[in-house]
Amino acid sequence: MNKDELSIKNELTISKILKKLIDKNITEENLDDKLTEKFGINYQYSKLLNKTDDESKKSTKEYIKNMDFNTSSDDLSVDELTRFFNSKNSDFFKTNEAYKQLSTLDNSDFNSLVDNIEKTRFDIFLSHSMKDKYIVYGTYLILTEDLGYTVYVDWIVDPFLSQSRSHVAKRNIRILQIRMRSSFNLNLLKTLNYSISKWIAWELGYFNGRSNQVYIQKIHGKEFDDDKSGMGFLKIYNELFMYKDELVYLDRGKITRIN
């Protein structure tokens, strides 16, 4: 079998992704609300930590008010509001250390977080551009719900990392390294903005240094087929297709499924 024969009806197309999202009534406008609904308080709180100091303070106050907490928080700093939020949700945070603000964890708590993280395994580490979050989530749903894979997407599994996504932080890097070591495969999702991500090249390099199980998850569609990213070296990696409810690639003409 050649690549053209395999690609017929087995490509990940933009129409399949959008259909998946539309079937679940997920739009770009309500995406964050749907994520909060699906993944709970941890995702909602991570959104607060992504804002500027003034925005975070205002949002956290509103969130506290919506949860009927009794406090006079007008003069509290963001850190104080964070500690207040944690104390009011102590049971949640005692069992979910990962969802505290990463930068405020002391070394002991951070090491405890690392120990917990190392125990979790994923089939796929999905390397992607955050600018295409809507399409990334649609792909995540197809891979997890339709194909049954366990998939790591940082802002879904570790939403506390998102607050520092725009810059490089040592703890973020360590968490991502652990997640990559705990994943069997790395799939690069080629969305419209993948080539401008500052993280993708680093993730590819790190994963490729320890495993050859790096693949290209190409999205097919008119606006996606003309790739002028200048990242021609990606041709060394196998492109994935969806075949009989599995992700596969061609190895010397033979259909081979990923591990």
C-alpha atoms as a PDB file:
ATOM      1  CA  MET A   1       0.000   0.000   0.000  1.00  0.00           C
ATOM      2  CA  ASN A   2       1.227   3.509  -0.745  1.00  0.00           C
ATOM      3  CA  LYS A   3       0.554   6.764   1.055  1.00  0.00           C
ATOM      4  CA  ASP A   4      -2.121   7.930  -1.384  1.00  0.00           C
ATOM      5  CA  GLU A   5      -4.067   4.687  -0.990  1.00  0.00           C
ATOM      6  CA  LEU A   6      -3.902   4.883   2.798  1.00  0.00           C
ATOM      7  CA  SER A   7      -4.891   8.531   2.947  1.00  0.00           C
ATOM      8  CA  ILE A   8      -8.276   7.986   1.290  1.00  0.00           C
ATOM      9  CA  LYS A   9     -10.933   8.376   4.029  1.00  0.00           C
ATOM     10  CA  ASN A  10      -8.254   7.992   6.708  1.00  0.00           C
ATOM     11  CA  GLU A  11      -7.004  11.552   7.032  1.00  0.00           C
ATOM     12  CA  LEU A  12      -7.653  13.847   9.960  1.00  0.00           C
ATOM     13  CA  THR A  13      -9.555  16.609   8.187  1.00  0.00           C
ATOM     14  CA  ILE A  14     -10.659  19.984   9.424  1.00  0.00           C
ATOM     15  CA  SER A  15     -14.249  19.000   8.584  1.00  0.00           C
ATOM     16  CA  LYS A  16     -14.044  15.966  10.915  1.00  0.00           C
ATOM     17  CA  ILE A  17     -12.664  18.129  13.707  1.00  0.00           C
ATOM     18  CA  LEU A  18     -15.303  20.824  13.305  1.00  0.00           C
ATOM     19  CA  LYS A  19     -18.081  18.229  13.121  1.00  0.00           C
ATOM     20  CA  LYS A  20     -16.880  16.737  16.412  1.00  0.00           C
ATOM     21  CA  LEU A  21     -16.971  20.152  18.072  1.00  0.00           C
ATOM     22  CA  ILE A  22     -20.314  21.162  16.561  1.00  0.00           C
ATOM     23  CA  ASP A  23     -21.918  17.858  17.591  1.00  0.00           C
ATOM     24  CA  LYS A  24     -21.000  18.750  21.171  1.00  0.00           C
ATOM     25  CA  ASN A  25     -22.237  22.342  20.777  1.00  0.00           C
ATOM     26  CA  ILE A  26     -18.725  23.673  21.341  1.00  0.00           C
ATOM     27  CA  THR A  27     -17.858  26.995  19.726  1.00  0.00           C
ATOM     28  CA  GLU A  28     -14.793  29.194  19.973  1.00  0.00           C
ATOM     29  CA  GLU A  29     -16.855  31.559  22.111  1.00  0.00           C
ATOM     30  CA  ASN A  30     -18.008  28.972  24.686  1.00  0.00           C
ATOM     31  CA  LEU A  31     -14.870  26.799  24.648  1.00  0.00           C
ATOM     32  CA  ASP A  32     -13.588  27.921  28.051  1.00  0.00           C
ATOM     33  CA  ASP A  33     -17.000  27.376  29.630  1.00  0.00           C
ATOM     34  CA  LYS A  34     -17.181  23.882  28.121  1.00  0.00           C
ATOM     35  CA  LEU A  35     -13.691  23.089  29.395  1.00  0.00           C
ATOM     36  CA  THR A  36     -14.647  24.249  32.879  1.00  0.00           C
ATOM     37  CA  GLU A  37     -17.800  22.128  32.698  1.00  0.00           C
ATOM     38  CA  LYS A  38     -15.825  19.044  31.639  1.00  0.00           C
ATOM     39  CA  PHE A  39     -12.673  19.407  33.717  1.00  0.00           C
ATOM     40  CA  GLY A  40     -14.030  21.264  36.725  1.00  0.00           C
ATOM     41  CA  ILE A  41     -12.773  23.820  39.159  1.00  0.00           C
ATOM     42  CA  ASN A  42      -9.100  23.257  38.349  1.00  0.00           C
ATOM     43  CA  TYR A  43      -9.550  24.627  34.820  1.00  0.00           C
ATOM     44  CA  GLN A  44     -11.660  27.566  36.011  1.00  0.00           C
ATOM     45  CA  TYR A  45      -9.078  28.576  38.588  1.00  0.00           C
ATOM     46  CA  SER A  46      -6.215  28.300  36.117  1.00  0.00           C
ATOM     47  CA  LYS A  47      -7.941  30.932  33.976  1.00  0.00           C
ATOM     48  CA  LEU A  48      -7.733  33.388  36.858  1.00  0.00           C
ATOM     49  CA  LEU A  49      -4.001  32.856  37.155  1.00  0.00           C
ATOM     50  CA  ASN A  50      -3.481  33.692  33.485  1.00  0.00           C
ATOM     51  CA  LYS A  51      -4.623  37.268  33.862  1.00  0.00           C
ATOM     52  CA  THR A  52      -2.661  40.393  34.756  1.00  0.00           C
ATOM     53  CA  ASP A  53      -2.469  41.398  38.403  1.00  0.00           C
ATOM     54  CA  ASP A  54      -5.429  43.786  38.248  1.00  0.00           C
ATOM     55  CA  GLU A  55      -7.496  41.458  36.075  1.00  0.00           C
ATOM     56  CA  SER A  56      -6.720  38.474  38.276  1.00  0.00           C
ATOM     57  CA  LYS A  57      -7.659  40.374  41.414  1.00  0.00           C
ATOM     58  CA  LYS A  58     -10.973  41.452  39.917  1.00  0.00           C
ATOM     59  CA  SER A  59     -11.768  37.995  38.496  1.00  0.00           C
ATOM     60  CA  THR A  60     -10.852  36.207  41.704  1.00  0.00           C
ATOM     61  CA  LYS A  61     -13.062  38.538  43.731  1.00  0.00           C
ATOM     62  CA  GLU A  62     -15.938  37.858  41.362  1.00  0.00           C
ATOM     63  CA  TYR A  63     -15.296  34.118  41.567  1.00  0.00           C
ATOM     64  CA  ILE A  64     -15.226  34.242  45.367  1.00  0.00           C
ATOM     65  CA  LYS A  65     -18.489  36.180  45.331  1.00  0.00           C
ATOM     66  CA  ASN A  66     -20.108  33.685  42.960  1.00  0.00           C
ATOM     67  CA  MET A  67     -19.172  30.839  45.294  1.00  0.00           C
ATOM     68  CA  ASP A  68     -20.816  32.637  48.240  1.00  0.00           C
ATOM     69  CA  PHE A  69     -17.639  33.010  50.274  1.00  0.00           C
ATOM     70  CA  ASN A  70     -17.893  35.645  52.984  1.00  0.00           C
ATOM     71  CA  THR A  71     -14.863  37.913  52.859  1.00  0.00           C
ATOM     72  CA  SER A  72     -13.955  41.552  52.583  1.00  0.00           C
ATOM     73  CA  SER A  73     -11.383  41.194  49.821  1.00  0.00           C
ATOM     74  CA  ASP A  74     -11.095  44.753  48.533  1.00  0.00           C
ATOM     75  CA  ASP A  75      -7.589  45.291  49.869  1.00  0.00           C
ATOM     76  CA  LEU A  76      -6.175  41.823  49.306  1.00  0.00           C
ATOM     77  CA  SER A  77      -3.313  41.227  46.891  1.00  0.00           C
ATOM     78  CA  VAL A  78      -3.559  38.531  44.241  1.00  0.00           C
ATOM     79  CA  ASP A  79      -1.337  36.240  46.344  1.00  0.00           C
ATOM     80  CA  GLU A  80      -3.576  36.785  49.366  1.00  0.00           C
ATOM     81  CA  LEU A  81      -6.640  36.101  47.271  1.00  0.00           C
ATOM     82  CA  THR A  82      -4.969  32.942  46.001  1.00  0.00           C
ATOM     83  CA  ARG A  83      -4.265  31.762  49.540  1.00  0.00           C
ATOM     84  CA  PHE A  84      -7.845  32.592  50.493  1.00  0.00           C
ATOM     85  CA  PHE A  85      -9.169  30.603  47.541  1.00  0.00           C
ATOM     86  CA  ASN A  86      -6.951  27.658  48.455  1.00  0.00           C
ATOM     87  CA  SER A  87      -8.103  27.692  52.076  1.00  0.00           C
ATOM     88  CA  LYS A  88     -11.756  27.687  51.060  1.00  0.00           C
ATOM     89  CA  ASN A  89     -11.105  24.735  48.775  1.00  0.00           C
ATOM     90  CA  SER A  90      -8.649  22.941  51.036  1.00  0.00           C
ATOM     91  CA  ASP A  91     -10.095  19.480  50.414  1.00  0.00           C
ATOM     92  CA  PHE A  92      -9.743  19.950  46.663  1.00  0.00           C
ATOM     93  CA  PHE A  93      -6.189  21.212  46.864  1.00  0.00           C
ATOM     94  CA  LYS A  94      -5.061  18.601  49.392  1.00  0.00           C
ATOM     95  CA  THR A  95      -5.811  15.918  46.825  1.00  0.00           C
ATOM     96  CA  ASN A  96      -4.895  17.972  43.762  1.00  0.00           C
ATOM     97  CA  GLU A  97      -1.562  19.583  44.530  1.00  0.00           C
ATOM     98  CA  ALA A  98      -1.007  20.197  40.828  1.00  0.00           C
ATOM     99  CA  TYR A  99      -3.658  22.870  40.728  1.00  0.00           C
ATOM    100  CA  LYS A 100      -2.090  25.264  43.171  1.00  0.00           C
ATOM    101  CA  GLN A 101      -0.288  28.177  41.594  1.00  0.00           C
ATOM    102  CA  LEU A 102       2.936  26.515  40.468  1.00  0.00           C
ATOM    103  CA  SER A 103       5.234  29.418  41.271  1.00  0.00           C
ATOM    104  CA  THR A 104       4.052  29.612  44.900  1.00  0.00           C
ATOM    105  CA  LEU A 105       4.727  25.964  45.766  1.00  0.00           C
ATOM    106  CA  ASP A 106       7.655  25.428  48.114  1.00  0.00           C
ATOM    107  CA  ASN A 107      10.242  22.812  47.121  1.00  0.00           C
ATOM    108  CA  SER A 108       8.630  20.092  49.217  1.00  0.00           C
ATOM    109  CA  ASP A 109       5.186  20.585  47.654  1.00  0.00           C
ATOM    110  CA  PHE A 110       6.696  20.842  44.182  1.00  0.00           C
ATOM    111  CA  ASN A 111       8.627  17.593  44.645  1.00  0.00           C
ATOM    112  CA  SER A 112       5.419  15.945  45.861  1.00  0.00           C
ATOM    113  CA  LEU A 113       3.687  17.197  42.722  1.00  0.00           C
ATOM    114  CA  VAL A 114       6.485  15.760  40.577  1.00  0.00           C
ATOM    115  CA  ASP A 115       6.200  12.371  42.302  1.00  0.00           C
ATOM    116  CA  ASN A 116       2.470  12.242  41.531  1.00  0.00           C
ATOM    117  CA  ILE A 117       2.939  13.346  37.935  1.00  0.00           C
ATOM    118  CA  GLU A 118       5.559  10.678  37.219  1.00  0.00           C
ATOM    119  CA  LYS A 119       3.019   7.940  37.955  1.00  0.00           C
ATOM    120  CA  THR A 120       0.741   8.854  35.052  1.00  0.00           C
ATOM    121  CA  ARG A 121       1.318   7.484  31.541  1.00  0.00           C
ATOM    122  CA  PHE A 122      -0.024   8.776  28.235  1.00  0.00           C
ATOM    123  CA  ASP A 123      -0.213   7.242  24.789  1.00  0.00           C
ATOM    124  CA  ILE A 124       0.337  10.605  23.118  1.00  0.00           C
ATOM    125  CA  PHE A 125       1.993  13.904  23.991  1.00  0.00           C
ATOM    126  CA  LEU A 126       0.245  16.338  21.642  1.00  0.00           C
ATOM    127  CA  SER A 127       2.657  19.093  20.615  1.00  0.00           C
ATOM    128  CA  HIS A 128       0.697  22.068  19.320  1.00  0.00           C
ATOM    129  CA  SER A 129       0.207  25.807  19.055  1.00  0.00           C
ATOM    130  CA  MET A 130      -1.977  27.407  21.711  1.00  0.00           C
ATOM    131  CA  LYS A 131      -3.148  29.910  19.081  1.00  0.00           C
ATOM    132  CA  ASP A 132      -5.208  27.095  17.561  1.00  0.00           C
ATOM    133  CA  LYS A 133      -6.769  26.016  20.851  1.00  0.00           C
ATOM    134  CA  TYR A 134     -10.213  25.346  19.374  1.00  0.00           C
ATOM    135  CA  ILE A 135      -8.882  22.986  16.697  1.00  0.00           C
ATOM    136  CA  VAL A 136      -6.504  21.380  19.191  1.00  0.00           C
ATOM    137  CA  TYR A 137      -9.408  20.561  21.485  1.00  0.00           C
ATOM    138  CA  GLY A 138     -11.422  19.069  18.624  1.00  0.00           C
ATOM    139  CA  THR A 139      -8.451  16.858  17.787  1.00  0.00           C
ATOM    140  CA  TYR A 140      -8.090  15.901  21.448  1.00  0.00           C
ATOM    141  CA  LEU A 141     -11.740  14.789  21.498  1.00  0.00           C
ATOM    142  CA  ILE A 142     -11.304  12.636  18.388  1.00  0.00           C
ATOM    143  CA  LEU A 143      -8.143  10.995  19.720  1.00  0.00           C
ATOM    144  CA  THR A 144      -9.576  10.301  23.174  1.00  0.00           C
ATOM    145  CA  GLU A 145     -13.270   9.635  22.541  1.00  0.00           C
ATOM    146  CA  ASP A 146     -13.262   8.114  19.061  1.00  0.00           C
ATOM    147  CA  LEU A 147      -9.904   6.318  19.069  1.00  0.00           C
ATOM    148  CA  GLY A 148      -9.494   5.654  22.793  1.00  0.00           C
ATOM    149  CA  TYR A 149      -6.020   7.090  23.326  1.00  0.00           C
ATOM    150  CA  THR A 150      -4.833   8.811  26.482  1.00  0.00           C
ATOM    151  CA  VAL A 151      -3.568  12.198  25.347  1.00  0.00           C
ATOM    152  CA  TYR A 152      -1.506  14.839  27.112  1.00  0.00           C
ATOM    153  CA  VAL A 153      -2.381  18.455  26.318  1.00  0.00           C
ATOM    154  CA  ASP A 154      -0.767  20.779  28.826  1.00  0.00           C
ATOM    155  CA  TRP A 155      -3.631  23.236  29.345  1.00  0.00           C
ATOM    156  CA  ILE A 156      -6.085  20.349  29.818  1.00  0.00           C
ATOM    157  CA  VAL A 157      -4.078  18.023  32.053  1.00  0.00           C
ATOM    158  CA  ASP A 158      -1.888  20.622  33.776  1.00  0.00           C
ATOM    159  CA  PRO A 159      -3.818  23.893  33.487  1.00  0.00           C
ATOM    160  CA  PHE A 160      -1.585  25.493  36.111  1.00  0.00           C
ATOM    161  CA  LEU A 161       1.176  25.594  33.469  1.00  0.00           C
ATOM    162  CA  SER A 162      -0.845  27.889  31.230  1.00  0.00           C
ATOM    163  CA  GLN A 163      -0.218  30.930  33.402  1.00  0.00           C
ATOM    164  CA  SER A 164       3.427  30.887  32.328  1.00  0.00           C
ATOM    165  CA  ARG A 165       3.042  29.593  28.785  1.00  0.00           C
ATOM    166  CA  SER A 166       4.156  32.900  27.295  1.00  0.00           C
ATOM    167  CA  HIS A 167       7.572  32.688  28.939  1.00  0.00           C
ATOM    168  CA  VAL A 168      10.039  30.001  29.931  1.00  0.00           C
ATOM    169  CA  ALA A 169      10.060  28.947  33.585  1.00  0.00           C
ATOM    170  CA  LYS A 170      12.248  26.189  35.050  1.00  0.00           C
ATOM    171  CA  ARG A 171       9.357  24.443  36.770  1.00  0.00           C
ATOM    172  CA  ASN A 172       7.259  24.484  33.609  1.00  0.00           C
ATOM    173  CA  ILE A 173      10.120  22.904  31.693  1.00  0.00           C
ATOM    174  CA  ARG A 174      10.600  20.209  34.307  1.00  0.00           C
ATOM    175  CA  ILE A 175       6.900  19.307  34.298  1.00  0.00           C
ATOM    176  CA  LEU A 176       6.829  19.107  30.497  1.00  0.00           C
ATOM    177  CA  GLN A 177       9.977  16.966  30.457  1.00  0.00           C
ATOM    178  CA  ILE A 178       8.359  14.541  32.889  1.00  0.00           C
ATOM    179  CA  ARG A 179       5.180  14.445  30.808  1.00  0.00           C
ATOM    180  CA  MET A 180       7.188  13.702  27.666  1.00  0.00           C
ATOM    181  CA  ARG A 181       9.149  10.947  29.404  1.00  0.00           C
ATOM    182  CA  SER A 182       5.803   9.509  30.527  1.00  0.00           C
ATOM    183  CA  SER A 183       4.351   9.482  26.992  1.00  0.00           C
ATOM    184  CA  PHE A 184       4.878   6.711  24.449  1.00  0.00           C
ATOM    185  CA  ASN A 185       4.565   8.956  21.395  1.00  0.00           C
ATOM    186  CA  LEU A 186       4.824  12.622  20.478  1.00  0.00           C
ATOM    187  CA  ASN A 187       2.407  13.790  17.807  1.00  0.00           C
ATOM    188  CA  LEU A 188       3.012  17.208  16.286  1.00  0.00           C
ATOM    189  CA  LEU A 189      -0.354  18.680  15.342  1.00  0.00           C
ATOM    190  CA  LYS A 190       0.123  20.773  12.202  1.00  0.00           C
ATOM    191  CA  THR A 191      -2.441  23.525  12.605  1.00  0.00           C
ATOM    192  CA  LEU A 192      -2.227  26.909  10.897  1.00  0.00           C
ATOM    193  CA  ASN A 193      -0.006  28.436  13.587  1.00  0.00           C
ATOM    194  CA  TYR A 194       2.136  25.467  14.581  1.00  0.00           C
ATOM    195  CA  SER A 195       5.353  26.907  13.129  1.00  0.00           C
ATOM    196  CA  ILE A 196       5.285  30.048  15.295  1.00  0.00           C
ATOM    197  CA  SER A 197       5.054  28.188  18.590  1.00  0.00           C
ATOM    198  CA  LYS A 198       8.169  28.698  20.702  1.00  0.00           C
ATOM    199  CA  TRP A 199       7.610  25.333  22.397  1.00  0.00           C
ATOM    200  CA  ILE A 200       7.164  22.908  19.492  1.00  0.00           C
ATOM    201  CA  ALA A 201      10.782  22.828  18.297  1.00  0.00           C
ATOM    202  CA  TRP A 202      12.007  22.308  21.864  1.00  0.00           C
ATOM    203  CA  GLU A 203       9.471  19.524  22.492  1.00  0.00           C
ATOM    204  CA  LEU A 204      10.443  17.771  19.260  1.00  0.00           C
ATOM    205  CA  GLY A 205      14.131  17.994  20.096  1.00  0.00           C
ATOM    206  CA  TYR A 206      13.712  16.752  23.645  1.00  0.00           C
ATOM    207  CA  PHE A 207      11.446  13.850  22.723  1.00  0.00           C
ATOM    208  CA  ASN A 208      13.481  12.852  19.680  1.00  0.00           C
ATOM    209  CA  GLY A 209      16.575  12.699  21.875  1.00  0.00           C
ATOM    210  CA  ARG A 210      15.074   9.861  23.892  1.00  0.00           C
ATOM    211  CA  SER A 211      12.721   8.162  21.431  1.00  0.00           C
ATOM    212  CA  ASN A 212      12.154   7.817  17.695  1.00  0.00           C
ATOM    213  CA  GLN A 213       8.395   7.730  18.179  1.00  0.00           C
ATOM    214  CA  VAL A 214       7.761  11.233  16.865  1.00  0.00           C
ATOM    215  CA  TYR A 215       4.959  11.616  14.334  1.00  0.00           C
ATOM    216  CA  ILE A 216       3.221  14.289  12.303  1.00  0.00           C
ATOM    217  CA  GLN A 217      -0.507  14.647  12.926  1.00  0.00           C
ATOM    218  CA  LYS A 218      -1.415  16.607   9.832  1.00  0.00           C
ATOM    219  CA  ILE A 219      -4.779  18.308   9.438  1.00  0.00           C
ATOM    220  CA  HIS A 220      -6.099  18.142   5.902  1.00  0.00           C
ATOM    221  CA  GLY A 221      -8.185  20.892   4.357  1.00  0.00           C
ATOM    222  CA  LYS A 222      -7.785  23.631   1.784  1.00  0.00           C
ATOM    223  CA  GLU A 223      -6.320  26.176   4.191  1.00  0.00           C
ATOM    224  CA  PHE A 224      -3.988  23.604   5.765  1.00  0.00           C
ATOM    225  CA  ASP A 225      -2.477  21.919   2.709  1.00  0.00           C
ATOM    226  CA  ASP A 226      -0.179  24.753   1.599  1.00  0.00           C
ATOM    227  CA  ASP A 227       2.539  24.606   4.263  1.00  0.00           C
ATOM    228  CA  LYS A 228       5.069  27.427   3.888  1.00  0.00           C
ATOM    229  CA  SER A 229       6.433  27.202   7.415  1.00  0.00           C
ATOM    230  CA  GLY A 230      10.019  26.588   6.366  1.00  0.00           C
ATOM    231  CA  MET A 231      10.132  23.551   8.662  1.00  0.00           C
ATOM    232  CA  GLY A 232      11.070  21.121   5.918  1.00  0.00           C
ATOM    233  CA  PHE A 233      12.971  18.903   8.348  1.00  0.00           C
ATOM    234  CA  LEU A 234       9.612  17.577   9.568  1.00  0.00           C
ATOM    235  CA  LYS A 235       9.557  15.340   6.486  1.00  0.00           C
ATOM    236  CA  ILE A 236      11.840  12.922   8.341  1.00  0.00           C
ATOM    237  CA  TYR A 237       8.905  12.010  10.600  1.00  0.00           C
ATOM    238  CA  ASN A 238       6.092   9.672   9.603  1.00  0.00           C
ATOM    239  CA  GLU A 239       2.647  11.117   8.983  1.00  0.00           C
ATOM    240  CA  LEU A 240      -0.219   9.511  10.884  1.00  0.00           C
ATOM    241  CA  PHE A 241      -3.563   8.346   9.539  1.00  0.00           C
ATOM    242  CA  MET A 242      -6.716   7.077  11.231  1.00  0.00           C
ATOM    243  CA  TYR A 243      -7.247   3.473  10.162  1.00  0.00           C
ATOM    244  CA  LYS A 244      -9.676   1.016  11.769  1.00  0.00           C
ATOM    245  CA  ASP A 245      -9.963   3.155  14.907  1.00  0.00           C
ATOM    246  CA  GLU A 246      -6.208   3.402  15.347  1.00  0.00           C
ATOM    247  CA  LEU A 247      -3.435   5.807  14.431  1.00  0.00           C
ATOM    248  CA  VAL A 248      -1.137   4.239  11.874  1.00  0.00           C
ATOM    249  CA  TYR A 249       1.735   5.154   9.569  1.00  0.00           C
ATOM    250  CA  LEU A 250       3.367   3.532   6.566  1.00  0.00           C
ATOM    251  CA  ASP A 251       6.629   1.709   7.185  1.00  0.00           C
ATOM    252  CA  ARG A 252       8.080   0.559   3.835  1.00  0.00           C
ATOM    253  CA  GLY A 253       4.583   0.080   2.475  1.00  0.00           C
ATOM    254  CA  LYS A 254       3.299  -1.735   5.542  1.00  0.00           C
ATOM    255  CA  ILE A 255       0.565  -0.267   7.737  1.00  0.00           C
ATOM    256  CA  THR A 256       2.009   0.051  11.238  1.00  0.00           C
ATOM    257  CA  ARG A 257       0.133   1.239  14.307  1.00  0.00           C
ATOM    258  CA  ILE A 258       1.737   3.462  16.898  1.00  0.00           C
ATOM    259  CA  ASN A 259       2.576   1.955  20.276  1.00  0.00           C
END
